[in-house]
Amino acid sequence: MADESRVIPMDRLVNTDKNMYELTNAAIHRAEQIAITGGNEAEETEGKTISKAIREIVTEEVKYEFKR
């Protein structure tokens, strides 16, 4: 069975009411944060920072806000 910390909850991603453009941008920025900070969080992803970022955003572990 796959490690749950590496799984993107596709049902939540597909059914989200969030703007996909904003969600994509938030995931890109979060993945960059994970990669830059390194440490345990980056090691846990084994180079799959975008998957972790998408999961965090979709499950709302990480919240984002765009200033207009």
PDB file of N, CA and C in Angstrom:
ATOM      1  N   MET A   1       0.836  -1.182   0.000  1.00  0.00           N
ATOM      2  CA  MET A   1       0.000   0.000   0.000  1.00  0.00           C
ATOM      3  C   MET A   1       0.885   1.252   0.000  1.00  0.00           C
ATOM      4  N   ALA A   2       0.441   2.284  -0.697  1.00  0.00           N
ATOM      5  CA  ALA A   2       1.217   3.517  -0.815  1.00  0.00           C
ATOM      6  C   ALA A   2       1.217   4.280   0.504  1.00  0.00           C
ATOM      7  N   ASP A   3       2.322   4.935   0.764  1.00  0.00           N
ATOM      8  CA  ASP A   3       2.443   5.791   1.929  1.00  0.00           C
ATOM      9  C   ASP A   3       1.457   6.947   1.773  1.00  0.00           C
ATOM     10  N   GLU A   4       0.544   7.098   2.717  1.00  0.00           N
ATOM     11  CA  GLU A   4      -0.508   8.113   2.636  1.00  0.00           C
ATOM     12  C   GLU A   4       0.052   9.528   2.519  1.00  0.00           C
ATOM     13  N   SER A   5       1.247   9.765   3.050  1.00  0.00           N
ATOM     14  CA  SER A   5       1.818  11.103   2.980  1.00  0.00           C
ATOM     15  C   SER A   5       2.249  11.464   1.558  1.00  0.00           C
ATOM     16  N   ARG A   6       2.284  10.494   0.668  1.00  0.00           N
ATOM     17  CA  ARG A   6       2.698  10.747  -0.717  1.00  0.00           C
ATOM     18  C   ARG A   6       1.537  10.679  -1.699  1.00  0.00           C
ATOM     19  N   VAL A   7       0.348  10.403  -1.220  1.00  0.00           N
ATOM     20  CA  VAL A   7      -0.801  10.220  -2.090  1.00  0.00           C
ATOM     21  C   VAL A   7      -1.558  11.535  -2.259  1.00  0.00           C
ATOM     22  N   ILE A   8      -1.861  11.878  -3.492  1.00  0.00           N
ATOM     23  CA  ILE A   8      -2.701  13.040  -3.763  1.00  0.00           C
ATOM     24  C   ILE A   8      -4.149  12.567  -3.729  1.00  0.00           C
ATOM     25  N   PRO A   9      -4.976  13.158  -2.884  1.00  0.00           N
ATOM     26  CA  PRO A   9      -6.382  12.737  -2.822  1.00  0.00           C
ATOM     27  C   PRO A   9      -7.131  13.237  -4.060  1.00  0.00           C
ATOM     28  N   MET A  10      -7.121  12.419  -5.103  1.00  0.00           N
ATOM     29  CA  MET A  10      -7.679  12.829  -6.389  1.00  0.00           C
ATOM     30  C   MET A  10      -9.161  13.185  -6.294  1.00  0.00           C
ATOM     31  N   ASP A  11      -9.914  12.481  -5.465  1.00  0.00           N
ATOM     32  CA  ASP A  11     -11.338  12.800  -5.346  1.00  0.00           C
ATOM     33  C   ASP A  11     -11.525  14.226  -4.836  1.00  0.00           C
ATOM     34  N   ARG A  12     -10.712  14.634  -3.881  1.00  0.00           N
ATOM     35  CA  ARG A  12     -10.809  15.994  -3.350  1.00  0.00           C
ATOM     36  C   ARG A  12     -10.292  17.019  -4.353  1.00  0.00           C
ATOM     37  N   LEU A  13      -9.280  16.642  -5.118  1.00  0.00           N
ATOM     38  CA  LEU A  13      -8.734  17.548  -6.127  1.00  0.00           C
ATOM     39  C   LEU A  13      -9.763  17.798  -7.226  1.00  0.00           C
ATOM     40  N   VAL A  14     -10.377  16.739  -7.713  1.00  0.00           N
ATOM     41  CA  VAL A  14     -11.353  16.853  -8.796  1.00  0.00           C
ATOM     42  C   VAL A  14     -12.613  17.586  -8.340  1.00  0.00           C
ATOM     43  N   ASN A  15     -13.019  17.352  -7.103  1.00  0.00           N
ATOM     44  CA  ASN A  15     -14.269  17.931  -6.613  1.00  0.00           C
ATOM     45  C   ASN A  15     -14.111  19.263  -5.897  1.00  0.00           C
ATOM     46  N   THR A  16     -12.935  19.818  -5.906  1.00  0.00           N
ATOM     47  CA  THR A  16     -12.722  21.085  -5.211  1.00  0.00           C
ATOM     48  C   THR A  16     -13.464  22.221  -5.903  1.00  0.00           C
ATOM     49  N   ASP A  17     -13.879  23.176  -5.101  1.00  0.00           N
ATOM     50  CA  ASP A  17     -14.536  24.352  -5.670  1.00  0.00           C
ATOM     51  C   ASP A  17     -13.552  25.517  -5.802  1.00  0.00           C
ATOM     52  N   LYS A  18     -12.284  25.225  -5.563  1.00  0.00           N
ATOM     53  CA  LYS A  18     -11.250  26.254  -5.661  1.00  0.00           C
ATOM     54  C   LYS A  18     -10.918  26.531  -7.116  1.00  0.00           C
ATOM     55  N   ASN A  19     -10.450  27.731  -7.364  1.00  0.00           N
ATOM     56  CA  ASN A  19     -10.004  28.127  -8.683  1.00  0.00           C
ATOM     57  C   ASN A  19      -8.746  27.312  -9.016  1.00  0.00           C
ATOM     58  N   MET A  20      -8.761  26.551 -10.090  1.00  0.00           N
ATOM     59  CA  MET A  20      -7.637  25.667 -10.429  1.00  0.00           C
ATOM     60  C   MET A  20      -6.366  26.437 -10.761  1.00  0.00           C
ATOM     61  N   TYR A  21      -6.508  27.608 -11.349  1.00  0.00           N
ATOM     62  CA  TYR A  21      -5.333  28.428 -11.639  1.00  0.00           C
ATOM     63  C   TYR A  21      -4.661  28.835 -10.333  1.00  0.00           C
ATOM     64  N   GLU A  22      -5.445  29.306  -9.370  1.00  0.00           N
ATOM     65  CA  GLU A  22      -4.891  29.706  -8.080  1.00  0.00           C
ATOM     66  C   GLU A  22      -4.326  28.508  -7.327  1.00  0.00           C
ATOM     67  N   LEU A  23      -5.030  27.388  -7.355  1.00  0.00           N
ATOM     68  CA  LEU A  23      -4.557  26.181  -6.679  1.00  0.00           C
ATOM     69  C   LEU A  23      -3.219  25.736  -7.266  1.00  0.00           C
ATOM     70  N   THR A  24      -3.106  25.783  -8.584  1.00  0.00           N
ATOM     71  CA  THR A  24      -1.857  25.387  -9.248  1.00  0.00           C
ATOM     72  C   THR A  24      -0.713  26.313  -8.840  1.00  0.00           C
ATOM     73  N   ASN A  25      -0.975  27.600  -8.838  1.00  0.00           N
ATOM     74  CA  ASN A  25       0.057  28.557  -8.428  1.00  0.00           C
ATOM     75  C   ASN A  25       0.449  28.367  -6.972  1.00  0.00           C
ATOM     76  N   ALA A  26      -0.531  28.129  -6.119  1.00  0.00           N
ATOM     77  CA  ALA A  26      -0.243  27.904  -4.701  1.00  0.00           C
ATOM     78  C   ALA A  26       0.617  26.654  -4.525  1.00  0.00           C
ATOM     79  N   ALA A  27       0.303  25.592  -5.273  1.00  0.00           N
ATOM     80  CA  ALA A  27       1.075  24.346  -5.185  1.00  0.00           C
ATOM     81  C   ALA A  27       2.507  24.554  -5.670  1.00  0.00           C
ATOM     82  N   ILE A  28       2.670  25.329  -6.722  1.00  0.00           N
ATOM     83  CA  ILE A  28       4.014  25.606  -7.239  1.00  0.00           C
ATOM     84  C   ILE A  28       4.834  26.354  -6.191  1.00  0.00           C
ATOM     85  N   HIS A  29       4.243  27.366  -5.594  1.00  0.00           N
ATOM     86  CA  HIS A  29       4.957  28.139  -4.579  1.00  0.00           C
ATOM     87  C   HIS A  29       5.244  27.311  -3.331  1.00  0.00           C
ATOM     88  N   ARG A  30       4.298  26.463  -2.942  1.00  0.00           N
ATOM     89  CA  ARG A  30       4.522  25.603  -1.767  1.00  0.00           C
ATOM     90  C   ARG A  30       5.628  24.593  -2.049  1.00  0.00           C
ATOM     91  N   ALA A  31       5.651  24.011  -3.239  1.00  0.00           N
ATOM     92  CA  ALA A  31       6.705  23.055  -3.598  1.00  0.00           C
ATOM     93  C   ALA A  31       8.070  23.736  -3.570  1.00  0.00           C
ATOM     94  N   GLU A  32       8.117  24.975  -4.027  1.00  0.00           N
ATOM     95  CA  GLU A  32       9.360  25.734  -3.984  1.00  0.00           C
ATOM     96  C   GLU A  32       9.806  25.958  -2.536  1.00  0.00           C
ATOM     97  N   GLN A  33       8.855  26.270  -1.652  1.00  0.00           N
ATOM     98  CA  GLN A  33       9.184  26.446  -0.237  1.00  0.00           C
ATOM     99  C   GLN A  33       9.780  25.170   0.347  1.00  0.00           C
ATOM    100  N   ILE A  34       9.163  24.038   0.038  1.00  0.00           N
ATOM    101  CA  ILE A  34       9.631  22.747   0.553  1.00  0.00           C
ATOM    102  C   ILE A  34      11.052  22.475   0.058  1.00  0.00           C
ATOM    103  N   ALA A  35      11.276  22.709  -1.238  1.00  0.00           N
ATOM    104  CA  ALA A  35      12.593  22.443  -1.830  1.00  0.00           C
ATOM    105  C   ALA A  35      13.664  23.364  -1.257  1.00  0.00           C
ATOM    106  N   ILE A  36      13.330  24.627  -1.061  1.00  0.00           N
ATOM    107  CA  ILE A  36      14.310  25.594  -0.566  1.00  0.00           C
ATOM    108  C   ILE A  36      14.680  25.329   0.886  1.00  0.00           C
ATOM    109  N   THR A  37      13.684  25.046   1.705  1.00  0.00           N
ATOM    110  CA  THR A  37      13.959  24.861   3.132  1.00  0.00           C
ATOM    111  C   THR A  37      14.681  23.559   3.416  1.00  0.00           C
ATOM    112  N   GLY A  38      14.514  22.572   2.530  1.00  0.00           N
ATOM    113  CA  GLY A  38      15.201  21.295   2.726  1.00  0.00           C
ATOM    114  C   GLY A  38      14.778  20.612   4.008  1.00  0.00           C
ATOM    115  N   GLY A  39      15.713  19.976   4.679  1.00  0.00           N
ATOM    116  CA  GLY A  39      15.426  19.310   5.942  1.00  0.00           C
ATOM    117  C   GLY A  39      14.556  18.078   5.796  1.00  0.00           C
ATOM    118  N   ASN A  40      13.931  17.702   6.891  1.00  0.00           N
ATOM    119  CA  ASN A  40      13.120  16.477   6.932  1.00  0.00           C
ATOM    120  C   ASN A  40      11.974  16.507   5.939  1.00  0.00           C
ATOM    121  N   GLU A  41      11.330  17.655   5.803  1.00  0.00           N
ATOM    122  CA  GLU A  41      10.188  17.752   4.910  1.00  0.00           C
ATOM    123  C   GLU A  41      10.576  17.448   3.466  1.00  0.00           C
ATOM    124  N   ALA A  42      11.701  17.947   3.020  1.00  0.00           N
ATOM    125  CA  ALA A  42      12.174  17.696   1.657  1.00  0.00           C
ATOM    126  C   ALA A  42      12.615  16.243   1.498  1.00  0.00           C
ATOM    127  N   GLU A  43      13.267  15.693   2.517  1.00  0.00           N
ATOM    128  CA  GLU A  43      13.709  14.300   2.458  1.00  0.00           C
ATOM    129  C   GLU A  43      12.525  13.344   2.376  1.00  0.00           C
ATOM    130  N   GLU A  44      11.453  13.647   3.102  1.00  0.00           N
ATOM    131  CA  GLU A  44      10.262  12.791   3.106  1.00  0.00           C
ATOM    132  C   GLU A  44       9.641  12.671   1.721  1.00  0.00           C
ATOM    133  N   THR A  45       9.772  13.697   0.904  1.00  0.00           N
ATOM    134  CA  THR A  45       9.131  13.702  -0.410  1.00  0.00           C
ATOM    135  C   THR A  45       9.916  12.922  -1.457  1.00  0.00           C
ATOM    136  N   GLU A  46      11.184  12.662  -1.181  1.00  0.00           N
ATOM    137  CA  GLU A  46      12.057  11.967  -2.135  1.00  0.00           C
ATOM    138  C   GLU A  46      12.015  12.636  -3.504  1.00  0.00           C
ATOM    139  N   GLY A  47      12.063  13.966  -3.508  1.00  0.00           N
ATOM    140  CA  GLY A  47      12.067  14.702  -4.764  1.00  0.00           C
ATOM    141  C   GLY A  47      10.693  14.972  -5.347  1.00  0.00           C
ATOM    142  N   LYS A  48       9.652  14.559  -4.663  1.00  0.00           N
ATOM    143  CA  LYS A  48       8.291  14.748  -5.174  1.00  0.00           C
ATOM    144  C   LYS A  48       7.597  15.874  -4.407  1.00  0.00           C
ATOM    145  N   THR A  49       8.221  17.028  -4.432  1.00  0.00           N
ATOM    146  CA  THR A  49       7.702  18.147  -3.662  1.00  0.00           C
ATOM    147  C   THR A  49       6.362  18.645  -4.183  1.00  0.00           C
ATOM    148  N   ILE A  50       6.142  18.565  -5.492  1.00  0.00           N
ATOM    149  CA  ILE A  50       4.871  19.055  -6.034  1.00  0.00           C
ATOM    150  C   ILE A  50       3.707  18.180  -5.571  1.00  0.00           C
ATOM    151  N   SER A  51       3.921  16.873  -5.472  1.00  0.00           N
ATOM    152  CA  SER A  51       2.864  15.984  -4.979  1.00  0.00           C
ATOM    153  C   SER A  51       2.507  16.323  -3.542  1.00  0.00           C
ATOM    154  N   LYS A  52       3.522  16.547  -2.729  1.00  0.00           N
ATOM    155  CA  LYS A  52       3.285  16.916  -1.333  1.00  0.00           C
ATOM    156  C   LYS A  52       2.569  18.253  -1.255  1.00  0.00           C
ATOM    157  N   ALA A  53       2.990  19.205  -2.061  1.00  0.00           N
ATOM    158  CA  ALA A  53       2.379  20.532  -2.057  1.00  0.00           C
ATOM    159  C   ALA A  53       0.907  20.459  -2.460  1.00  0.00           C
ATOM    160  N   ILE A  54       0.595  19.705  -3.508  1.00  0.00           N
ATOM    161  CA  ILE A  54      -0.798  19.556  -3.944  1.00  0.00           C
ATOM    162  C   ILE A  54      -1.630  18.933  -2.832  1.00  0.00           C
ATOM    163  N   ARG A  55      -1.105  17.881  -2.202  1.00  0.00           N
ATOM    164  CA  ARG A  55      -1.844  17.227  -1.124  1.00  0.00           C
ATOM    165  C   ARG A  55      -2.104  18.192   0.018  1.00  0.00           C
ATOM    166  N   GLU A  56      -1.082  18.951   0.404  1.00  0.00           N
ATOM    167  CA  GLU A  56      -1.238  19.902   1.500  1.00  0.00           C
ATOM    168  C   GLU A  56      -2.282  20.971   1.192  1.00  0.00           C
ATOM    169  N   ILE A  57      -2.308  21.429  -0.043  1.00  0.00           N
ATOM    170  CA  ILE A  57      -3.256  22.475  -0.437  1.00  0.00           C
ATOM    171  C   ILE A  57      -4.679  21.909  -0.504  1.00  0.00           C
ATOM    172  N   VAL A  58      -4.830  20.756  -1.149  1.00  0.00           N
ATOM    173  CA  VAL A  58      -6.170  20.170  -1.313  1.00  0.00           C
ATOM    174  C   VAL A  58      -6.770  19.746   0.018  1.00  0.00           C
ATOM    175  N   THR A  59      -5.949  19.213   0.909  1.00  0.00           N
ATOM    176  CA  THR A  59      -6.458  18.778   2.217  1.00  0.00           C
ATOM    177  C   THR A  59      -6.500  19.925   3.226  1.00  0.00           C
ATOM    178  N   GLU A  60      -6.062  21.100   2.786  1.00  0.00           N
ATOM    179  CA  GLU A  60      -6.058  22.314   3.597  1.00  0.00           C
ATOM    180  C   GLU A  60      -5.138  22.233   4.821  1.00  0.00           C
ATOM    181  N   GLU A  61      -4.103  21.397   4.714  1.00  0.00           N
ATOM    182  CA  GLU A  61      -3.041  21.406   5.729  1.00  0.00           C
ATOM    183  C   GLU A  61      -2.309  22.738   5.649  1.00  0.00           C
ATOM    184  N   VAL A  62      -2.218  23.250   4.430  1.00  0.00           N
ATOM    185  CA  VAL A  62      -1.594  24.545   4.178  1.00  0.00           C
ATOM    186  C   VAL A  62      -2.648  25.419   3.513  1.00  0.00           C
ATOM    187  N   LYS A  63      -2.823  26.594   4.033  1.00  0.00           N
ATOM    188  CA  LYS A  63      -3.776  27.547   3.466  1.00  0.00           C
ATOM    189  C   LYS A  63      -3.006  28.564   2.641  1.00  0.00           C
ATOM    190  N   TYR A  64      -3.646  29.094   1.625  1.00  0.00           N
ATOM    191  CA  TYR A  64      -3.022  30.112   0.788  1.00  0.00           C
ATOM    192  C   TYR A  64      -3.985  31.261   0.569  1.00  0.00           C
ATOM    193  N   GLU A  65      -3.392  32.393   0.254  1.00  0.00           N
ATOM    194  CA  GLU A  65      -4.178  33.583  -0.045  1.00  0.00           C
ATOM    195  C   GLU A  65      -3.420  34.405  -1.060  1.00  0.00           C
ATOM    196  N   PHE A  66      -4.110  34.826  -2.105  1.00  0.00           N
ATOM    197  CA  PHE A  66      -3.492  35.685  -3.100  1.00  0.00           C
ATOM    198  C   PHE A  66      -3.966  37.107  -2.859  1.00  0.00           C
ATOM    199  N   LYS A  67      -3.030  38.006  -2.797  1.00  0.00           N
ATOM    200  CA  LYS A  67      -3.365  39.418  -2.643  1.00  0.00           C
ATOM    201  C   LYS A  67      -3.628  39.980  -4.019  1.00  0.00           C
ATOM    202  N   ARG A  68      -4.667  40.707  -4.146  1.00  0.00           N
ATOM    203  CA  ARG A  68      -5.048  41.290  -5.444  1.00  0.00           C
ATOM    204  C   ARG A  68      -4.760  42.758  -5.453  1.00  0.00           C
TER     205      ARG A  68
END
